[in-house]
C-alpha cells in the first residue's frame, strides 16, 4: 500500500479525535530466550497508521482548533546495529518516505513530548499498555500539571485503541488486496497438504509442507500457531502440539494460514487422511458444510452479526438432531443450549491486521453491530464428538470437523475470499488423490 493510504488513515483518525494529542507506539522486540529474540512483528495499530515495520518508533498526532500536526520518532541509523542486524531507516530516508510533518530521533522524544503536551487537555493513548513511551508521556503530563505558568494541562486520558479499532472494522480496497493475497498463498498451502497427506505421516510434516508454501511465496510467517489435528485431536479446539501420527480411517483438521504485509488469512479445512471419507464422516462433514453455506448466504449489509450467531446455533442444533446426537424438542434444546456441548465456539470473528481483529462487536449502546460493506469476518461452524463421549452414536465418536472461510461484506451481499479452497467432499477427495 502507498504512503498516501497511510496518510489518509491518519487523517481519518484525526477527524475522529477532539482537540488533543494521540500517541501510538511501535512494538518492542520480544526476548525468546537469553539473548535471542522472536521474529519481529509490528504493533498492528501502529502499522495500520504508518506502514512502518521498525521497532521502538512512536507516532504522535496533534490536533488543535486551527491545525493538525504529525510527528514520527524513529531509532534512526546506527552503524553498530547495522553491522549485526541490518540498517535501520535514517532520518533523511524517513523524511523522504513518510508523509508526516516532522521526523525525529527516538532519543529526543522525552523532551519533545513534554513540549507537545503543553496547553493540551486530552491525551489519547493505549490505556492498558505499559510501553516506555507512554509512561514518559504520562510523566511529562504530570510534570506540566505542577508547572507554574502552564494554564491548561492534560486532565483527560482517552483510549485511542477504541477509535483505531473502530476504523479498522471497515477495510479499504488496499487492505482487502493484502488479505486476498494472503489467502491466495494459503489456498496453495491447504491444497498441498491434501495432496501430500499419507497414513503414517506426522502432523508436523503437514505443517511443514504448508510452511514451505508460505515461505516459498514470500509470506514470512504463519498468521497464528497452526492447528494440525489428526483424529480425536480435532476435538481439542486449540490443539497446537502437532506431534502425533496420522492414522488410517481418521480425519485431519488443519486450521492454518499465512500473513502478508501484516494482514492475516484464516482458513480451516478437514479431510480424510487416506483420501476417502467414511459414511459416518460424510454425514457429519456435510452437516457442518450445509450450516456454513447457509450462514454465508445470509451475509449482507444491515444484518446483525448477533443474528448470524443465533442463526448458526439453530442450524447446528438441527444438524445434531438429524444426526441423532440430540433427540429432544428443538425449542427445549435451544433454551438449554444443549448444542453447545458439541458446537462450543462462535460462528466467526473479525479478521484483518490481526487474525482475531480487536474491532468492536457492539456499538456505544452495547447493541450488536450491523454488517457493513468492507467488513471482513470468518464463518467457521464445527461439530466435535470426543472419542470418549458415550452420548454420541458410536460411529461418530472421535470425529471433529470445522470448515472456515474468510468473507467480505459487499454492497449487496458477500464475497467468499477463500472460495477457491476446495471443501465439498468430491472436490476434497479429488485433491487428495491428485
Protein backbone atom coordinates (compact mmCIF):
# COMPACT_ATOMS: atom_id res chain seq x y z
CA UNK A 1 0.00 0.00 0.00
CA UNK A 2 1.18 3.53 -0.71
CA UNK A 3 2.19 6.27 1.72
CA UNK A 4 -0.93 8.12 0.58
CA UNK A 5 -3.02 5.28 2.00
CA UNK A 6 -1.44 5.57 5.44
CA UNK A 7 -1.66 9.37 5.33
CA UNK A 8 -5.38 9.09 4.62
CA UNK A 9 -5.83 6.67 7.53
CA UNK A 10 -4.07 9.10 9.89
CA UNK A 11 -6.23 11.97 8.69
CA UNK A 12 -9.33 9.87 9.28
CA UNK A 13 -8.23 9.18 12.84
CA UNK A 14 -7.51 12.88 13.42
CA UNK A 15 -11.01 13.71 12.17
CA UNK A 16 -12.45 11.35 14.80
CA UNK A 17 -10.43 12.98 17.60
CA UNK A 18 -11.31 16.03 19.61
CA UNK A 19 -8.54 18.55 20.21
CA UNK A 20 -5.62 16.87 21.93
CA UNK A 21 -2.58 14.65 21.43
CA UNK A 22 -2.53 10.98 20.40
CA UNK A 23 0.45 8.69 20.91
CA UNK A 24 0.73 5.30 19.18
CA UNK A 25 3.85 3.21 19.71
CA UNK A 26 5.56 0.51 17.68
CA UNK A 27 6.18 -2.91 19.15
CA UNK A 28 9.38 -3.62 21.02
CA UNK A 29 11.43 -6.76 20.29
CA UNK A 30 10.47 -9.75 22.43
CA UNK A 31 13.07 -12.00 24.05
CA UNK A 32 12.75 -15.68 23.20
CA UNK A 33 15.50 -16.94 25.49
CA UNK A 34 18.61 -15.35 26.96
CA UNK A 35 19.87 -13.01 24.19
CA UNK A 36 17.80 -14.31 21.27
CA UNK A 37 14.55 -12.74 20.12
CA UNK A 38 11.35 -13.83 18.42
CA UNK A 39 10.95 -12.70 14.80
CA UNK A 40 9.76 -9.12 14.96
CA UNK A 41 6.06 -8.41 14.48
CA UNK A 42 4.88 -4.81 14.39
CA UNK A 43 2.10 -3.49 16.62
CA UNK A 44 -0.95 -3.76 14.36
CA UNK A 45 -2.36 -0.34 15.29
CA UNK A 46 0.99 1.34 14.60
CA UNK A 47 1.31 -0.47 11.27
CA UNK A 48 -2.27 0.49 10.36
CA UNK A 49 -1.35 4.16 10.72
CA UNK A 50 2.17 4.15 9.27
CA UNK A 51 3.07 1.02 7.31
CA UNK A 52 6.42 1.25 9.14
CA UNK A 53 7.92 -2.03 10.28
CA UNK A 54 10.79 -0.98 12.57
CA UNK A 55 10.85 -1.34 16.33
CA UNK A 56 10.54 1.32 19.05
CA UNK A 57 9.12 4.03 16.78
CA UNK A 58 6.50 6.47 18.05
CA UNK A 59 3.74 8.27 16.17
CA UNK A 60 2.37 11.50 17.67
CA UNK A 61 -0.75 13.16 16.29
CA UNK A 62 -1.60 16.69 17.44
CA UNK A 63 -4.95 18.37 16.85
CA UNK A 64 -5.94 21.93 17.72
CA UNK A 65 -8.82 24.10 16.57
CA UNK A 66 -6.57 25.59 13.90
CA UNK A 67 -4.41 22.73 12.62
CA UNK A 68 -3.13 19.18 12.85
CA UNK A 69 0.50 18.13 13.17
CA UNK A 70 2.09 14.70 12.80
CA UNK A 71 5.42 13.66 14.29
CA UNK A 72 7.31 10.40 13.89
CA UNK A 73 10.13 9.37 16.21
CA UNK A 74 12.42 6.60 14.98
CA UNK A 75 15.60 4.89 16.18
CA UNK A 76 17.44 6.08 13.08
CA UNK A 77 20.63 4.74 11.52
CA UNK A 78 23.20 3.22 13.87
CA UNK A 79 26.37 1.71 12.42
CA UNK A 80 26.89 -0.84 15.21
CA UNK A 81 23.27 -2.00 14.98
CA UNK A 82 23.55 -2.18 11.18
CA UNK A 83 26.63 -4.41 11.46
CA UNK A 84 24.77 -7.03 13.48
CA UNK A 85 21.15 -6.67 12.40
CA UNK A 86 20.97 -4.63 9.21
CA UNK A 87 20.48 -0.93 8.68
CA UNK A 88 17.50 0.94 10.05
CA UNK A 89 15.92 3.78 8.09
CA UNK A 90 17.83 7.03 8.52
CA UNK A 91 16.08 10.28 9.48
CA UNK A 92 16.57 11.67 5.99
CA UNK A 93 15.18 8.50 4.38
CA UNK A 94 12.20 8.63 6.74
CA UNK A 95 11.56 12.29 5.90
CA UNK A 96 11.52 11.43 2.21
CA UNK A 97 9.32 8.38 2.64
CA UNK A 98 6.65 9.29 5.18
CA UNK A 99 4.02 11.95 4.65
CA UNK A 100 4.42 13.38 8.15
CA UNK A 101 5.29 16.90 9.28
CA UNK A 102 8.41 16.06 11.31
CA UNK A 103 10.73 13.11 11.88
CA UNK A 104 12.98 13.00 14.95
CA UNK A 105 15.28 10.53 16.65
CA UNK A 106 13.73 8.43 19.38
CA UNK A 107 16.24 9.83 21.87
CA UNK A 108 14.62 13.28 21.52
CA UNK A 109 11.15 12.02 22.38
CA UNK A 110 11.10 12.64 26.14
CA UNK A 111 11.96 16.32 25.75
CA UNK A 112 9.75 16.77 22.67
CA UNK A 113 6.62 15.20 24.14
CA UNK A 114 6.79 17.49 27.15
CA UNK A 115 6.69 20.46 24.80
CA UNK A 116 3.93 18.93 22.63
CA UNK A 117 1.66 18.34 25.62
CA UNK A 118 1.79 21.95 26.83
CA UNK A 119 -1.63 23.60 26.81
CA UNK A 120 -3.48 20.41 25.80
CA UNK A 121 -6.23 18.89 27.93
CA UNK A 122 -6.71 15.49 26.24
CA UNK A 123 -4.22 12.68 25.77
CA UNK A 124 -5.18 9.74 23.55
CA UNK A 125 -3.18 6.56 24.19
CA UNK A 126 -3.48 2.85 24.87
CA UNK A 127 -4.75 2.94 28.44
CA UNK A 128 -3.64 -0.63 29.14
CA UNK A 129 -0.15 -0.54 27.68
CA UNK A 130 2.98 -0.12 29.78
CA UNK A 131 5.15 0.89 26.83
CA UNK A 132 8.00 3.17 27.96
CA UNK A 133 6.96 5.93 25.54
CA UNK A 134 3.51 6.11 27.12
CA UNK A 135 4.95 6.14 30.62
CA UNK A 136 7.22 9.02 29.57
CA UNK A 137 4.22 10.92 28.22
CA UNK A 138 2.27 10.45 31.46
CA UNK A 139 5.28 11.66 33.48
CA UNK A 140 5.56 14.72 31.24
CA UNK A 141 1.84 15.44 31.65
CA UNK A 142 2.17 15.10 35.42
CA UNK A 143 5.14 17.49 35.49
CA UNK A 144 3.28 20.07 33.40
CA UNK A 145 0.33 19.80 35.76
CA UNK A 146 2.59 21.13 38.53
CA UNK A 147 4.47 23.67 36.39
CA UNK A 148 3.78 27.31 37.18
CA UNK A 149 2.62 29.25 34.15
CA UNK A 150 1.01 26.29 32.38
CA UNK A 151 -2.64 27.27 32.41
CA UNK A 152 -4.05 24.21 30.66
CA UNK A 153 -2.85 20.66 31.19
CA UNK A 154 -3.82 17.06 30.49
CA UNK A 155 -6.83 16.13 32.58
CA UNK A 156 -8.50 13.53 30.32
CA UNK A 157 -6.99 10.23 29.18
CA UNK A 158 -8.84 8.60 26.25
CA UNK A 159 -8.40 5.09 24.86
CA UNK A 160 -7.05 5.69 21.35
CA UNK A 161 -7.22 1.96 20.57
CA UNK A 162 -11.03 2.04 20.59
CA UNK A 163 -11.01 4.78 17.92
CA UNK A 164 -8.45 2.90 15.84
CA UNK A 165 -10.18 -0.47 16.16
CA UNK A 166 -13.50 1.07 15.12
CA UNK A 167 -11.81 2.44 11.99
CA UNK A 168 -10.23 -0.97 11.34
CA UNK A 169 -13.71 -2.54 11.08
CA UNK A 170 -14.10 -1.26 7.51
CA UNK A 171 -11.31 -2.42 5.23
CA UNK A 172 -10.07 -0.22 2.42
CA UNK A 173 -9.53 -1.65 -1.08
CA UNK A 174 -5.80 -1.76 -0.33
CA UNK A 175 -6.34 -3.76 2.84
CA UNK A 176 -8.67 -6.16 1.06
CA UNK A 177 -5.98 -6.69 -1.57
CA UNK A 178 -3.48 -7.65 1.17
CA UNK A 179 -5.93 -10.13 2.71
CA UNK A 180 -6.76 -11.52 -0.72
CA UNK A 181 -3.06 -12.07 -1.42
CA UNK A 182 -2.53 -13.86 1.91
CA UNK A 183 -5.50 -16.11 1.17
CA UNK A 184 -4.15 -16.86 -2.31
CA UNK A 185 -0.96 -18.28 -0.79
CA UNK A 186 -2.92 -20.11 1.90
CA UNK A 187 -5.03 -21.72 -0.84
CA UNK A 188 -1.96 -23.39 -2.32
CA UNK A 189 -0.79 -24.49 1.12
CA UNK A 190 -4.06 -26.24 2.01
CA UNK A 191 -4.19 -27.94 -1.37
CA UNK A 192 -0.58 -29.06 -0.94
CA UNK A 193 -1.42 -30.55 2.47
CA UNK A 194 -4.28 -32.53 0.93
CA UNK A 195 -2.05 -33.80 -1.87
CA UNK A 196 0.87 -34.94 0.28
CA UNK A 197 -1.07 -36.35 3.24
CA UNK A 198 -0.48 -40.06 3.81
CA UNK A 199 -1.26 -42.54 6.57
CA UNK A 200 1.73 -42.76 8.90
CA UNK A 201 2.92 -39.20 8.45
CA UNK A 202 3.31 -36.94 11.47
CA UNK A 203 1.06 -33.92 11.94
CA UNK A 204 4.09 -31.64 11.90
CA UNK A 205 5.03 -32.91 8.45
CA UNK A 206 1.79 -31.49 7.07
CA UNK A 207 2.52 -28.24 8.88
CA UNK A 208 5.99 -28.23 7.32
CA UNK A 209 4.52 -28.78 3.84
CA UNK A 210 2.27 -25.75 4.34
CA UNK A 211 5.05 -23.60 5.78
CA UNK A 212 7.17 -24.38 2.72
CA UNK A 213 4.41 -22.95 0.53
CA UNK A 214 4.13 -19.86 2.75
CA UNK A 215 7.86 -19.14 2.70
CA UNK A 216 8.34 -20.06 -0.94
CA UNK A 217 5.73 -17.46 -1.88
CA UNK A 218 7.16 -14.68 0.28
CA UNK A 219 4.85 -14.93 3.29
CA UNK A 220 7.34 -14.81 6.13
CA UNK A 221 5.15 -16.16 8.89
CA UNK A 222 2.06 -18.05 9.88
CA UNK A 223 -0.79 -15.73 10.85
CA UNK A 224 -1.20 -17.80 14.04
CA UNK A 225 0.01 -21.05 15.52
CA UNK A 226 -1.10 -23.77 13.12
CA UNK A 227 -3.50 -26.47 14.23
CA UNK A 228 -2.87 -29.82 12.53
CA UNK A 229 -5.11 -32.19 14.43
CA UNK A 230 -5.45 -35.82 13.40
CA UNK A 231 -8.34 -37.94 14.63
CA UNK A 232 -9.63 -37.16 18.12
CA UNK A 233 -7.16 -34.26 18.49
CA UNK A 234 -9.57 -32.23 16.35
CA UNK A 235 -11.88 -32.16 19.36
CA UNK A 236 -9.34 -30.04 21.23
CA UNK A 237 -10.18 -26.67 19.73
CA UNK A 238 -6.74 -25.08 20.06
CA UNK A 239 -4.61 -28.19 19.62
CA UNK A 240 -1.14 -26.99 18.55
CA UNK A 241 1.10 -29.87 19.63
CA UNK A 242 1.10 -31.26 16.07
CA UNK A 243 3.30 -34.24 17.00
CA UNK A 244 1.08 -37.30 16.58
CA UNK A 245 0.88 -39.88 13.80
CA UNK A 246 -1.84 -39.57 11.15
CA UNK A 247 -3.82 -42.81 11.27
CA UNK A 248 -5.82 -44.88 8.81
CA UNK A 249 -9.54 -44.18 8.75
CA UNK A 250 -9.30 -40.83 10.58
CA UNK A 251 -9.73 -37.20 9.55
CA UNK A 252 -7.23 -34.39 9.96
CA UNK A 253 -8.39 -30.86 10.78
CA UNK A 254 -5.99 -28.13 9.62
CA UNK A 255 -6.54 -24.58 10.83
CA UNK A 256 -3.57 -22.74 9.35
CA UNK A 257 -2.91 -19.66 7.24
CA UNK A 258 -0.23 -17.11 6.42
CA UNK A 259 0.22 -13.38 6.85
CA UNK A 260 1.05 -10.90 4.07
CA UNK A 261 2.36 -7.42 4.91
CA UNK A 262 0.98 -7.92 8.44
CA UNK A 263 -2.50 -8.80 7.10
CA UNK A 264 -3.84 -12.20 8.11
CA UNK A 265 -5.74 -15.00 6.48
CA UNK A 266 -7.62 -17.65 8.47
CA UNK A 267 -8.77 -20.92 6.91
CA UNK A 268 -9.76 -24.35 8.22
CA UNK A 269 -10.28 -27.49 6.21
CA UNK A 270 -10.95 -31.05 7.40
CA UNK A 271 -10.22 -34.02 5.17
CA UNK A 272 -9.63 -37.81 5.32
CA UNK A 273 -6.05 -38.90 5.93
CA UNK A 274 -6.40 -41.80 3.49
CA UNK A 275 -8.17 -39.61 0.91
CA UNK A 276 -11.67 -41.09 1.24
CA UNK A 277 -14.45 -40.11 3.67
CA UNK A 278 -16.17 -42.94 5.50
CA UNK A 279 -20.01 -42.94 5.50
CA UNK A 280 -20.12 -41.55 9.07
CA UNK A 281 -17.53 -38.91 8.27
CA UNK A 282 -19.53 -37.90 5.21
CA UNK A 283 -22.67 -37.43 7.28
CA UNK A 284 -21.02 -35.18 9.85
CA UNK A 285 -18.98 -33.29 7.25
CA UNK A 286 -21.99 -32.48 5.09
CA UNK A 287 -23.94 -31.42 8.18
CA UNK A 288 -21.25 -28.85 9.02
CA UNK A 289 -20.83 -27.75 5.40
CA UNK A 290 -24.56 -27.16 4.98
CA UNK A 291 -24.60 -24.97 8.09
CA UNK A 292 -21.65 -22.97 6.82
CA UNK A 293 -23.15 -22.45 3.37
CA UNK A 294 -26.46 -21.31 4.84
CA UNK A 295 -24.83 -18.81 7.20
CA UNK A 296 -22.59 -17.40 4.47
CA UNK A 297 -25.60 -17.00 2.18
CA UNK A 298 -27.29 -14.86 4.87
CA UNK A 299 -24.46 -12.32 4.97
CA UNK A 300 -25.27 -8.85 3.64
CA UNK A 301 -25.28 -5.25 4.89
CA UNK A 302 -27.71 -4.39 7.70
CA UNK A 303 -27.80 -7.95 9.04
CA UNK A 304 -26.81 -8.02 12.70
CA UNK A 305 -23.77 -10.11 13.47
CA UNK A 306 -25.55 -11.33 16.62
CA UNK A 307 -28.35 -12.66 14.43
CA UNK A 308 -25.81 -14.67 12.41
CA UNK A 309 -24.64 -16.28 15.64
CA UNK A 310 -28.18 -17.22 16.67
CA UNK A 311 -28.98 -18.48 13.18
CA UNK A 312 -25.88 -20.68 13.15
CA UNK A 313 -26.78 -22.15 16.56
CA UNK A 314 -30.27 -23.04 15.33
CA UNK A 315 -28.82 -24.74 12.25
CA UNK A 316 -26.23 -26.65 14.29
CA UNK A 317 -28.93 -27.79 16.70
CA UNK A 318 -31.00 -29.05 13.75
CA UNK A 319 -27.94 -30.86 12.40
CA UNK A 320 -27.36 -32.59 15.75
CA UNK A 321 -31.00 -33.69 15.83
CA UNK A 322 -30.71 -35.03 12.29
CA UNK A 323 -27.56 -36.96 13.21
CA UNK A 324 -29.30 -38.46 16.23
CA UNK A 325 -26.91 -36.86 18.72
CA UNK A 326 -29.73 -34.79 20.22
CA UNK A 327 -33.30 -36.04 20.38
CA UNK A 328 -35.48 -33.75 22.47
CA UNK A 329 -37.77 -30.92 21.39
CA UNK A 330 -35.83 -28.31 19.38
CA UNK A 331 -37.16 -25.37 21.37
CA UNK A 332 -36.18 -27.03 24.63
CA UNK A 333 -32.74 -27.91 23.27
CA UNK A 334 -32.15 -24.31 22.17
CA UNK A 335 -33.24 -22.92 25.52
CA UNK A 336 -30.97 -25.35 27.34
CA UNK A 337 -28.11 -24.66 24.86
CA UNK A 338 -27.65 -28.41 24.62
CA UNK A 339 -25.89 -27.99 21.25
CA UNK A 340 -23.02 -26.12 22.97
CA UNK A 341 -21.51 -29.40 24.14
CA UNK A 342 -20.81 -30.31 20.51
CA UNK A 343 -20.53 -26.81 18.97
CA UNK A 344 -18.89 -24.72 21.70
CA UNK A 345 -17.38 -21.78 19.79
CA UNK A 346 -18.83 -18.79 17.96
CA UNK A 347 -19.61 -18.71 14.28
CA UNK A 348 -16.73 -16.40 13.46
CA UNK A 349 -14.75 -13.26 14.18
CA UNK A 350 -13.44 -10.11 12.54
CA UNK A 351 -10.17 -10.53 10.64
CA UNK A 352 -7.59 -8.12 9.27
CA UNK A 353 -4.24 -6.99 10.66
CA UNK A 354 -4.85 -9.48 13.45
CA UNK A 355 -6.31 -12.90 12.81
CA UNK A 356 -8.77 -12.07 15.59
CA UNK A 357 -9.14 -8.39 14.78
CA UNK A 358 -9.88 -6.49 18.04
CA UNK A 359 -12.60 -4.40 16.38
CA UNK A 360 -15.77 -3.85 18.40
CA UNK A 361 -18.74 -6.21 18.11
CA UNK A 362 -21.20 -3.80 19.71
CA UNK A 363 -21.98 -0.10 19.36
CA UNK A 364 -21.73 2.55 22.08
CA UNK A 365 -25.14 1.47 23.40
CA UNK A 366 -23.99 -2.13 23.71
CA UNK A 367 -26.10 -3.30 20.77
CA UNK A 368 -24.76 -5.80 18.26
CA UNK A 369 -23.33 -4.13 15.16
CA UNK A 370 -24.98 -4.31 11.77
CA UNK A 371 -22.80 -5.69 8.99
CA UNK A 372 -21.47 -3.05 6.62
CA UNK A 373 -19.72 -3.13 3.27
CA UNK A 374 -15.99 -3.57 3.79
CA UNK A 375 -16.15 -5.71 6.93
CA UNK A 376 -14.15 -8.95 6.81
CA UNK A 377 -15.07 -11.89 9.02
CA UNK A 378 -14.67 -15.64 9.27
CA UNK A 379 -17.51 -18.14 9.17
CA UNK A 380 -16.42 -21.37 10.87
CA UNK A 381 -19.07 -23.76 12.18
CA UNK A 382 -17.88 -27.00 13.71
CA UNK A 383 -19.12 -30.19 15.34
CA UNK A 384 -16.92 -32.04 17.81
CA UNK A 385 -17.59 -35.56 19.05
CA UNK A 386 -14.96 -36.75 21.50
CA UNK A 387 -13.89 -40.38 21.29
CA UNK A 388 -14.85 -40.98 24.93
CA UNK A 389 -18.28 -39.29 24.73
CA UNK A 390 -20.85 -42.06 25.17
CA UNK A 391 -23.71 -39.63 24.49
CA UNK A 392 -22.69 -39.69 20.81
CA UNK A 393 -23.56 -42.57 18.46
CA UNK A 394 -20.57 -44.91 18.25
CA UNK A 395 -19.88 -44.31 14.56
CA UNK A 396 -19.37 -40.55 15.15
CA UNK A 397 -17.06 -40.76 18.15
CA UNK A 398 -13.62 -39.28 17.54
CA UNK A 399 -14.82 -37.10 14.66
CA UNK A 400 -14.14 -33.37 14.86
CA UNK A 401 -14.94 -31.16 11.88
CA UNK A 402 -14.58 -27.42 11.32
CA UNK A 403 -14.88 -25.61 8.00
CA UNK A 404 -13.73 -21.99 7.94
CA UNK A 405 -13.73 -19.36 5.22
CA UNK A 406 -12.99 -15.63 5.13
CA UNK A 407 -15.92 -13.49 4.00
CA UNK A 408 -16.01 -9.89 2.75
CA UNK A 409 -19.27 -7.99 3.17
CA UNK A 410 -20.06 -6.29 -0.14
CA UNK A 411 -22.54 -3.62 -1.19
CA UNK A 412 -25.37 -6.09 -1.79
CA UNK A 413 -24.17 -9.29 -0.13
CA UNK A 414 -20.84 -11.02 0.34
CA UNK A 415 -17.75 -12.38 -1.36
CA UNK A 416 -16.14 -15.56 -0.09
CA UNK A 417 -12.48 -14.61 -0.40
CA UNK A 418 -11.38 -18.22 0.14
CA UNK A 419 -13.93 -19.86 -2.15
CA UNK A 420 -11.13 -21.34 -4.27
CA UNK A 421 -10.00 -23.69 -1.48
CA UNK A 422 -11.84 -26.96 -2.10
CA UNK A 423 -14.38 -28.01 0.52
CA UNK A 424 -17.02 -30.28 -1.00
CA UNK A 425 -16.47 -33.97 -0.33
CA UNK A 426 -16.00 -34.72 -4.01
CA UNK A 427 -13.50 -31.89 -4.55
CA UNK A 428 -11.52 -32.78 -1.43
CA UNK A 429 -11.26 -36.44 -2.36
CA UNK A 430 -10.15 -35.49 -5.85
CA UNK A 431 -7.50 -33.15 -4.45
CA UNK A 432 -6.27 -35.82 -2.04
CA UNK A 433 -5.83 -38.23 -4.94
CA UNK A 434 -4.18 -35.64 -7.20
